[in-house]
Amino acid sequence: GTNVLSIVVEVPKTLLGGAAKINVWVETK
């Protein structure tokens, strides 16, 4: 029953480099 403000970004893997594994974290600045 609660809500959030969401940002959803879908990205082609080709734009992320060729790594088989990535680490991701998010920050607000």
PDB file of all heavy atoms in Angstrom:
ATOM      1  N   GLY A   1       0.788  -1.227   0.000  1.00  0.00           N
ATOM      2  CA  GLY A   1       0.000   0.000   0.000  1.00  0.00           C
ATOM      3  C   GLY A   1       0.820   1.277   0.000  1.00  0.00           C
ATOM      4  O   GLY A   1       0.267   2.368   0.072  1.00  0.00           O
ATOM      5  N   THR A   2       2.146   1.159  -0.074  1.00  0.00           N
ATOM      6  CA  THR A   2       2.979   2.364  -0.163  1.00  0.00           C
ATOM      7  C   THR A   2       3.601   2.444  -1.552  1.00  0.00           C
ATOM      8  O   THR A   2       3.673   1.455  -2.276  1.00  0.00           O
ATOM      9  CB  THR A   2       4.084   2.386   0.911  1.00  0.00           C
ATOM     10  OG1 THR A   2       4.981   1.299   0.678  1.00  0.00           O
ATOM     11  CG2 THR A   2       3.494   2.286   2.307  1.00  0.00           C
ATOM     12  N   ASN A   3       4.052   3.622  -1.901  1.00  0.00           N
ATOM     13  CA  ASN A   3       4.592   3.858  -3.229  1.00  0.00           C
ATOM     14  C   ASN A   3       6.001   4.427  -3.161  1.00  0.00           C
ATOM     15  O   ASN A   3       6.450   4.878  -2.102  1.00  0.00           O
ATOM     16  CB  ASN A   3       3.680   4.822  -3.996  1.00  0.00           C
ATOM     17  CG  ASN A   3       2.295   4.259  -4.192  1.00  0.00           C
ATOM     18  OD1 ASN A   3       2.136   3.101  -4.550  1.00  0.00           O
ATOM     19  ND2 ASN A   3       1.278   5.062  -3.941  1.00  0.00           N
ATOM     20  N   VAL A   4       6.661   4.416  -4.299  1.00  0.00           N
ATOM     21  CA  VAL A   4       7.994   4.994  -4.470  1.00  0.00           C
ATOM     22  C   VAL A   4       7.997   5.787  -5.768  1.00  0.00           C
ATOM     23  O   VAL A   4       7.111   5.628  -6.606  1.00  0.00           O
ATOM     24  CB  VAL A   4       9.083   3.890  -4.553  1.00  0.00           C
ATOM     25  CG1 VAL A   4       9.193   3.119  -3.259  1.00  0.00           C
ATOM     26  CG2 VAL A   4       8.826   2.945  -5.715  1.00  0.00           C
ATOM     27  N   LEU A   5       8.993   6.637  -5.940  1.00  0.00           N
ATOM     28  CA  LEU A   5       9.268   7.224  -7.245  1.00  0.00           C
ATOM     29  C   LEU A   5      10.365   6.385  -7.875  1.00  0.00           C
ATOM     30  O   LEU A   5      11.430   6.199  -7.282  1.00  0.00           O
ATOM     31  CB  LEU A   5       9.701   8.683  -7.118  1.00  0.00           C
ATOM     32  CG  LEU A   5       8.610   9.670  -6.716  1.00  0.00           C
ATOM     33  CD1 LEU A   5       9.155  11.094  -6.714  1.00  0.00           C
ATOM     34  CD2 LEU A   5       7.395   9.571  -7.621  1.00  0.00           C
ATOM     35  N   SER A   6      10.101   5.845  -9.051  1.00  0.00           N
ATOM     36  CA  SER A   6      11.027   4.931  -9.721  1.00  0.00           C
ATOM     37  C   SER A   6      11.652   5.569 -10.951  1.00  0.00           C
ATOM     38  O   SER A   6      10.993   6.322 -11.670  1.00  0.00           O
ATOM     39  CB  SER A   6      10.310   3.657 -10.170  1.00  0.00           C
ATOM     40  OG  SER A   6       9.956   2.861  -9.095  1.00  0.00           O
ATOM     41  N   ILE A   7      12.897   5.210 -11.158  1.00  0.00           N
ATOM     42  CA  ILE A   7      13.581   5.505 -12.416  1.00  0.00           C
ATOM     43  C   ILE A   7      14.029   4.154 -12.961  1.00  0.00           C
ATOM     44  O   ILE A   7      14.709   3.391 -12.267  1.00  0.00           O
ATOM     45  CB  ILE A   7      14.810   6.405 -12.210  1.00  0.00           C
ATOM     46  CG1 ILE A   7      14.398   7.722 -11.556  1.00  0.00           C
ATOM     47  CG2 ILE A   7      15.528   6.643 -13.534  1.00  0.00           C
ATOM     48  CD1 ILE A   7      15.565   8.550 -11.076  1.00  0.00           C
ATOM     49  N   VAL A   8      13.601   3.860 -14.182  1.00  0.00           N
ATOM     50  CA  VAL A   8      13.928   2.590 -14.819  1.00  0.00           C
ATOM     51  C   VAL A   8      14.652   2.903 -16.120  1.00  0.00           C
ATOM     52  O   VAL A   8      14.134   3.637 -16.957  1.00  0.00           O
ATOM     53  CB  VAL A   8      12.662   1.757 -15.101  1.00  0.00           C
ATOM     54  CG1 VAL A   8      13.017   0.420 -15.738  1.00  0.00           C
ATOM     55  CG2 VAL A   8      11.847   1.565 -13.826  1.00  0.00           C
ATOM     56  N   VAL A   9      15.852   2.345 -16.269  1.00  0.00           N
ATOM     57  CA  VAL A   9      16.647   2.568 -17.475  1.00  0.00           C
ATOM     58  C   VAL A   9      17.026   1.208 -18.039  1.00  0.00           C
ATOM     59  O   VAL A   9      17.659   0.401 -17.362  1.00  0.00           O
ATOM     60  CB  VAL A   9      17.921   3.392 -17.181  1.00  0.00           C
ATOM     61  CG1 VAL A   9      18.683   3.663 -18.470  1.00  0.00           C
ATOM     62  CG2 VAL A   9      17.579   4.693 -16.469  1.00  0.00           C
ATOM     63  N   GLU A  10      16.616   0.948 -19.273  1.00  0.00           N
ATOM     64  CA  GLU A  10      16.979  -0.295 -19.961  1.00  0.00           C
ATOM     65  C   GLU A  10      18.081   0.034 -20.957  1.00  0.00           C
ATOM     66  O   GLU A  10      17.945   0.949 -21.771  1.00  0.00           O
ATOM     67  CB  GLU A  10      15.770  -0.884 -20.681  1.00  0.00           C
ATOM     68  CG  GLU A  10      16.064  -2.214 -21.343  1.00  0.00           C
ATOM     69  CD  GLU A  10      14.825  -2.878 -21.931  1.00  0.00           C
ATOM     70  OE1 GLU A  10      13.714  -2.695 -21.390  1.00  0.00           O
ATOM     71  OE2 GLU A  10      14.985  -3.585 -22.945  1.00  0.00           O
ATOM     72  N   VAL A  11      19.186  -0.720 -20.871  1.00  0.00           N
ATOM     73  CA  VAL A  11      20.388  -0.398 -21.639  1.00  0.00           C
ATOM     74  C   VAL A  11      20.856  -1.631 -22.420  1.00  0.00           C
ATOM     75  O   VAL A  11      20.973  -2.724 -21.853  1.00  0.00           O
ATOM     76  CB  VAL A  11      21.531   0.047 -20.689  1.00  0.00           C
ATOM     77  CG1 VAL A  11      22.797   0.365 -21.461  1.00  0.00           C
ATOM     78  CG2 VAL A  11      21.092   1.231 -19.850  1.00  0.00           C
ATOM     79  N   PRO A  12      21.156  -1.471 -23.710  1.00  0.00           N
ATOM     80  CA  PRO A  12      21.766  -2.577 -24.445  1.00  0.00           C
ATOM     81  C   PRO A  12      23.100  -2.972 -23.797  1.00  0.00           C
ATOM     82  O   PRO A  12      23.907  -2.100 -23.453  1.00  0.00           O
ATOM     83  CB  PRO A  12      21.986  -2.006 -25.852  1.00  0.00           C
ATOM     84  CG  PRO A  12      20.963  -0.907 -25.970  1.00  0.00           C
ATOM     85  CD  PRO A  12      20.872  -0.322 -24.586  1.00  0.00           C
ATOM     86  N   LYS A  13      23.320  -4.267 -23.632  1.00  0.00           N
ATOM     87  CA  LYS A  13      24.550  -4.751 -23.003  1.00  0.00           C
ATOM     88  C   LYS A  13      25.788  -4.300 -23.768  1.00  0.00           C
ATOM     89  O   LYS A  13      26.854  -4.114 -23.173  1.00  0.00           O
ATOM     90  CB  LYS A  13      24.541  -6.276 -22.909  1.00  0.00           C
ATOM     91  CG  LYS A  13      23.553  -6.826 -21.919  1.00  0.00           C
ATOM     92  CD  LYS A  13      23.611  -8.355 -21.925  1.00  0.00           C
ATOM     93  CE  LYS A  13      22.552  -8.981 -21.080  1.00  0.00           C
ATOM     94  NZ  LYS A  13      22.579 -10.463 -21.167  1.00  0.00           N
ATOM     95  N   THR A  14      25.664  -4.073 -25.061  1.00  0.00           N
ATOM     96  CA  THR A  14      26.814  -3.646 -25.860  1.00  0.00           C
ATOM     97  C   THR A  14      27.358  -2.302 -25.406  1.00  0.00           C
ATOM     98  O   THR A  14      28.523  -1.982 -25.663  1.00  0.00           O
ATOM     99  CB  THR A  14      26.448  -3.559 -27.357  1.00  0.00           C
ATOM    100  OG1 THR A  14      25.323  -2.676 -27.505  1.00  0.00           O
ATOM    101  CG2 THR A  14      26.103  -4.931 -27.919  1.00  0.00           C
ATOM    102  N   LEU A  15      26.542  -1.500 -24.711  1.00  0.00           N
ATOM    103  CA  LEU A  15      26.986  -0.196 -24.227  1.00  0.00           C
ATOM    104  C   LEU A  15      27.676  -0.284 -22.869  1.00  0.00           C
ATOM    105  O   LEU A  15      28.153   0.730 -22.352  1.00  0.00           O
ATOM    106  CB  LEU A  15      25.798   0.767 -24.125  1.00  0.00           C
ATOM    107  CG  LEU A  15      25.048   1.054 -25.423  1.00  0.00           C
ATOM    108  CD1 LEU A  15      23.854   1.970 -25.158  1.00  0.00           C
ATOM    109  CD2 LEU A  15      25.981   1.658 -26.462  1.00  0.00           C
ATOM    110  N   LEU A  16      27.739  -1.489 -22.295  1.00  0.00           N
ATOM    111  CA  LEU A  16      28.296  -1.663 -20.951  1.00  0.00           C
ATOM    112  C   LEU A  16      29.676  -2.310 -20.957  1.00  0.00           C
ATOM    113  O   LEU A  16      30.217  -2.614 -19.899  1.00  0.00           O
ATOM    114  CB  LEU A  16      27.334  -2.506 -20.101  1.00  0.00           C
ATOM    115  CG  LEU A  16      25.926  -1.920 -19.957  1.00  0.00           C
ATOM    116  CD1 LEU A  16      25.021  -2.898 -19.230  1.00  0.00           C
ATOM    117  CD2 LEU A  16      25.978  -0.581 -19.240  1.00  0.00           C
ATOM    118  N   GLY A  17      30.259  -2.520 -22.124  1.00  0.00           N
ATOM    119  CA  GLY A  17      31.556  -3.182 -22.201  1.00  0.00           C
ATOM    120  C   GLY A  17      31.348  -4.680 -22.333  1.00  0.00           C
ATOM    121  O   GLY A  17      30.227  -5.183 -22.284  1.00  0.00           O
ATOM    122  N   GLY A  18      32.419  -5.406 -22.463  1.00  0.00           N
ATOM    123  CA  GLY A  18      32.318  -6.838 -22.724  1.00  0.00           C
ATOM    124  C   GLY A  18      32.425  -7.732 -21.510  1.00  0.00           C
ATOM    125  O   GLY A  18      32.565  -8.942 -21.654  1.00  0.00           O
ATOM    126  N   ALA A  19      32.376  -7.173 -20.294  1.00  0.00           N
ATOM    127  CA  ALA A  19      32.553  -7.988 -19.087  1.00  0.00           C
ATOM    128  C   ALA A  19      31.397  -8.973 -18.919  1.00  0.00           C
ATOM    129  O   ALA A  19      30.241  -8.647 -19.163  1.00  0.00           O
ATOM    130  CB  ALA A  19      32.648  -7.096 -17.856  1.00  0.00           C
ATOM    131  N   ALA A  20      31.735 -10.178 -18.480  1.00  0.00           N
ATOM    132  CA  ALA A  20      30.715 -11.194 -18.207  1.00  0.00           C
ATOM    133  C   ALA A  20      29.988 -10.894 -16.905  1.00  0.00           C
ATOM    134  O   ALA A  20      28.865 -11.341 -16.695  1.00  0.00           O
ATOM    135  CB  ALA A  20      31.356 -12.576 -18.143  1.00  0.00           C
ATOM    136  N   LYS A  21      30.625 -10.141 -16.018  1.00  0.00           N
ATOM    137  CA  LYS A  21      30.052  -9.816 -14.720  1.00  0.00           C
ATOM    138  C   LYS A  21      30.293  -8.333 -14.444  1.00  0.00           C
ATOM    139  O   LYS A  21      31.383  -7.821 -14.713  1.00  0.00           O
ATOM    140  CB  LYS A  21      30.726 -10.662 -13.635  1.00  0.00           C
ATOM    141  CG  LYS A  21      30.258 -10.372 -12.240  1.00  0.00           C
ATOM    142  CD  LYS A  21      31.022 -11.227 -11.234  1.00  0.00           C
ATOM    143  CE  LYS A  21      30.709 -10.793  -9.828  1.00  0.00           C
ATOM    144  NZ  LYS A  21      31.483 -11.521  -8.827  1.00  0.00           N
ATOM    145  N   ILE A  22      29.285  -7.663 -13.908  1.00  0.00           N
ATOM    146  CA  ILE A  22      29.449  -6.272 -13.514  1.00  0.00           C
ATOM    147  C   ILE A  22      28.990  -6.103 -12.070  1.00  0.00           C
ATOM    148  O   ILE A  22      28.194  -6.885 -11.564  1.00  0.00           O
ATOM    149  CB  ILE A  22      28.672  -5.295 -14.429  1.00  0.00           C
ATOM    150  CG1 ILE A  22      27.161  -5.557 -14.369  1.00  0.00           C
ATOM    151  CG2 ILE A  22      29.190  -5.353 -15.852  1.00  0.00           C
ATOM    152  CD1 ILE A  22      26.323  -4.516 -15.101  1.00  0.00           C
ATOM    153  N   ASN A  23      29.523  -5.101 -11.425  1.00  0.00           N
ATOM    154  CA  ASN A  23      29.067  -4.694 -10.098  1.00  0.00           C
ATOM    155  C   ASN A  23      28.376  -3.354 -10.276  1.00  0.00           C
ATOM    156  O   ASN A  23      28.852  -2.497 -11.019  1.00  0.00           O
ATOM    157  CB  ASN A  23      30.255  -4.544  -9.137  1.00  0.00           C
ATOM    158  CG  ASN A  23      30.991  -5.849  -8.959  1.00  0.00           C
ATOM    159  OD1 ASN A  23      30.400  -6.863  -8.625  1.00  0.00           O
ATOM    160  ND2 ASN A  23      32.294  -5.834  -9.200  1.00  0.00           N
ATOM    161  N   VAL A  24      27.254  -3.169  -9.586  1.00  0.00           N
ATOM    162  CA  VAL A  24      26.471  -1.952  -9.741  1.00  0.00           C
ATOM    163  C   VAL A  24      26.069  -1.423  -8.375  1.00  0.00           C
ATOM    164  O   VAL A  24      25.696  -2.198  -7.487  1.00  0.00           O
ATOM    165  CB  VAL A  24      25.192  -2.219 -10.577  1.00  0.00           C
ATOM    166  CG1 VAL A  24      24.371  -0.945 -10.743  1.00  0.00           C
ATOM    167  CG2 VAL A  24      25.540  -2.807 -11.937  1.00  0.00           C
ATOM    168  N   TRP A  25      26.148  -0.112  -8.197  1.00  0.00           N
ATOM    169  CA  TRP A  25      25.608   0.551  -7.023  1.00  0.00           C
ATOM    170  C   TRP A  25      25.007   1.871  -7.486  1.00  0.00           C
ATOM    171  O   TRP A  25      25.330   2.374  -8.552  1.00  0.00           O
ATOM    172  CB  TRP A  25      26.649   0.726  -5.912  1.00  0.00           C
ATOM    173  CG  TRP A  25      27.828   1.586  -6.242  1.00  0.00           C
ATOM    174  CD1 TRP A  25      28.033   2.890  -5.895  1.00  0.00           C
ATOM    175  CD2 TRP A  25      29.009   1.201  -6.974  1.00  0.00           C
ATOM    176  NE1 TRP A  25      29.238   3.344  -6.366  1.00  0.00           N
ATOM    177  CE2 TRP A  25      29.867   2.326  -7.031  1.00  0.00           C
ATOM    178  CE3 TRP A  25      29.427   0.030  -7.602  1.00  0.00           C
ATOM    179  CZ2 TRP A  25      31.095   2.306  -7.678  1.00  0.00           C
ATOM    180  CZ3 TRP A  25      30.647   0.002  -8.247  1.00  0.00           C
ATOM    181  CH2 TRP A  25      31.468   1.138  -8.279  1.00  0.00           C
ATOM    182  N   VAL A  26      24.097   2.387  -6.689  1.00  0.00           N
ATOM    183  CA  VAL A  26      23.425   3.632  -7.058  1.00  0.00           C
ATOM    184  C   VAL A  26      23.700   4.669  -5.987  1.00  0.00           C
ATOM    185  O   VAL A  26      23.836   4.340  -4.805  1.00  0.00           O
ATOM    186  CB  VAL A  26      21.903   3.413  -7.258  1.00  0.00           C
ATOM    187  CG1 VAL A  26      21.195   3.113  -5.963  1.00  0.00           C
ATOM    188  CG2 VAL A  26      21.264   4.586  -7.974  1.00  0.00           C
ATOM    189  N   GLU A  27      23.824   5.915  -6.419  1.00  0.00           N
ATOM    190  CA  GLU A  27      24.037   7.039  -5.510  1.00  0.00           C
ATOM    191  C   GLU A  27      23.107   8.174  -5.899  1.00  0.00           C
ATOM    192  O   GLU A  27      22.770   8.336  -7.070  1.00  0.00           O
ATOM    193  CB  GLU A  27      25.482   7.558  -5.606  1.00  0.00           C
ATOM    194  CG  GLU A  27      26.540   6.573  -5.175  1.00  0.00           C
ATOM    195  CD  GLU A  27      27.922   7.135  -5.375  1.00  0.00           C
ATOM    196  OE1 GLU A  27      28.363   7.256  -6.541  1.00  0.00           O
ATOM    197  OE2 GLU A  27      28.553   7.498  -4.350  1.00  0.00           O
ATOM    198  N   THR A  28      22.738   8.961  -4.911  1.00  0.00           N
ATOM    199  CA  THR A  28      22.069  10.227  -5.171  1.00  0.00           C
ATOM    200  C   THR A  28      23.072  11.313  -4.848  1.00  0.00           C
ATOM    201  O   THR A  28      23.719  11.285  -3.805  1.00  0.00           O
ATOM    202  CB  THR A  28      20.801  10.401  -4.297  1.00  0.00           C
ATOM    203  OG1 THR A  28      21.160  10.286  -2.929  1.00  0.00           O
ATOM    204  CG2 THR A  28      19.763   9.349  -4.643  1.00  0.00           C
ATOM    205  N   LYS A  29      23.209  12.252  -5.759  1.00  0.00           N
ATOM    206  CA  LYS A  29      24.196  13.317  -5.590  1.00  0.00           C
ATOM    207  C   LYS A  29      23.507  14.658  -5.739  1.00  0.00           C
ATOM    208  O   LYS A  29      22.909  14.954  -6.778  1.00  0.00           O
ATOM    209  CB  LYS A  29      25.333  13.148  -6.579  1.00  0.00           C
ATOM    210  CG  LYS A  29      26.087  11.828  -6.315  1.00  0.00           C
ATOM    211  CD  LYS A  29      27.335  11.702  -7.078  1.00  0.00           C
ATOM    212  CE  LYS A  29      28.093  10.445  -6.637  1.00  0.00           C
ATOM    213  NZ  LYS A  29      29.303  10.251  -7.397  1.00  0.00           N
TER     214      LYS A  29
END
